[in-house]
Amino acid sequence: MNNVESKLTEVIEDIETLGNKFVFLITAATAEDPLSARARIGLLEFGSESIKALSSIENKLKNYRAGTPS
């Protein structure tokens, strides 16, 4: 596998992982039972980490489009 294929595979895996996180976030946020205070804090932190992961994926795709995969 060459470098470009390796980078694309990495981005695809990142997107799959982020998709799993979003499904979890939606499930937790819409649960019938209210979240505890600690769970709400964890949910917010998890959401923040997911946004950072999305930003990283966007940067990788922009670099790939520009011809400079990081």
Protein backbone atom coordinates (compact mmCIF):
# COMPACT_ATOMS: atom_id res chain seq x y z
CA MET A 1 0.00 0.00 0.00
CA ASN A 2 1.45 3.36 -0.98
CA ASN A 3 1.44 6.50 1.17
CA VAL A 4 -1.70 7.98 -0.43
CA GLU A 5 -3.67 4.76 0.06
CA SER A 6 -2.41 4.56 3.63
CA LYS A 7 -3.55 8.11 4.36
CA LEU A 8 -6.96 7.51 2.79
CA THR A 9 -7.38 4.33 4.83
CA GLU A 10 -6.50 6.31 7.96
CA VAL A 11 -9.11 8.97 7.16
CA ILE A 12 -11.76 6.32 6.45
CA GLU A 13 -11.02 4.66 9.80
CA ASP A 14 -11.18 8.04 11.55
CA ILE A 15 -14.59 8.71 9.97
CA GLU A 16 -15.88 5.29 11.03
CA THR A 17 -14.71 5.89 14.61
CA LEU A 18 -16.28 9.34 14.65
CA GLY A 19 -19.53 7.90 13.32
CA ASN A 20 -19.59 5.43 16.21
CA LYS A 21 -19.04 8.30 18.65
CA PHE A 22 -21.88 10.31 17.15
CA VAL A 23 -24.26 7.36 17.42
CA PHE A 24 -23.28 7.03 21.08
CA LEU A 25 -23.76 10.76 21.68
CA ILE A 26 -27.20 10.77 20.10
CA THR A 27 -28.22 7.66 22.04
CA ALA A 28 -27.00 9.11 25.34
CA ALA A 29 -28.54 12.51 24.71
CA THR A 30 -31.94 11.07 23.85
CA ALA A 31 -32.08 8.38 26.55
CA GLU A 32 -35.32 8.08 28.52
CA ASP A 33 -33.52 8.15 31.85
CA PRO A 34 -31.89 11.44 32.82
CA LEU A 35 -28.12 11.50 32.91
CA SER A 36 -26.37 11.99 36.22
CA ALA A 37 -24.32 15.15 36.69
CA ARG A 38 -21.14 13.16 36.16
CA ALA A 39 -22.53 11.54 33.02
CA ARG A 40 -23.52 14.97 31.62
CA ILE A 41 -19.96 16.21 32.17
CA GLY A 42 -18.61 13.10 30.45
CA LEU A 43 -21.03 13.58 27.58
CA LEU A 44 -19.89 17.18 27.09
CA GLU A 45 -16.22 16.18 27.21
CA PHE A 46 -16.87 13.34 24.78
CA GLY A 47 -18.66 15.75 22.45
CA SER A 48 -15.76 18.16 22.63
CA GLU A 49 -13.29 15.39 21.77
CA SER A 50 -15.49 14.34 18.85
CA ILE A 51 -15.50 17.88 17.46
CA LYS A 52 -11.70 17.94 17.67
CA ALA A 53 -11.58 14.58 15.85
CA LEU A 54 -13.86 15.96 13.12
CA SER A 55 -11.59 18.97 12.72
CA SER A 56 -8.60 16.65 12.37
CA ILE A 57 -10.38 14.65 9.67
CA GLU A 58 -11.29 17.85 7.82
CA ASN A 59 -7.65 18.98 7.91
CA LYS A 60 -6.46 15.62 6.58
CA LEU A 61 -8.94 15.80 3.71
CA LYS A 62 -7.99 19.40 2.90
CA ASN A 63 -4.30 18.43 2.86
CA TYR A 64 -5.07 15.45 0.64
CA ARG A 65 -7.07 17.65 -1.75
CA ALA A 66 -4.19 20.12 -1.84
CA GLY A 67 -1.84 17.28 -2.70
CA THR A 68 0.04 17.26 0.59
CA PRO A 69 -1.32 14.38 2.71
CA SER A 70 -0.22 14.80 6.31
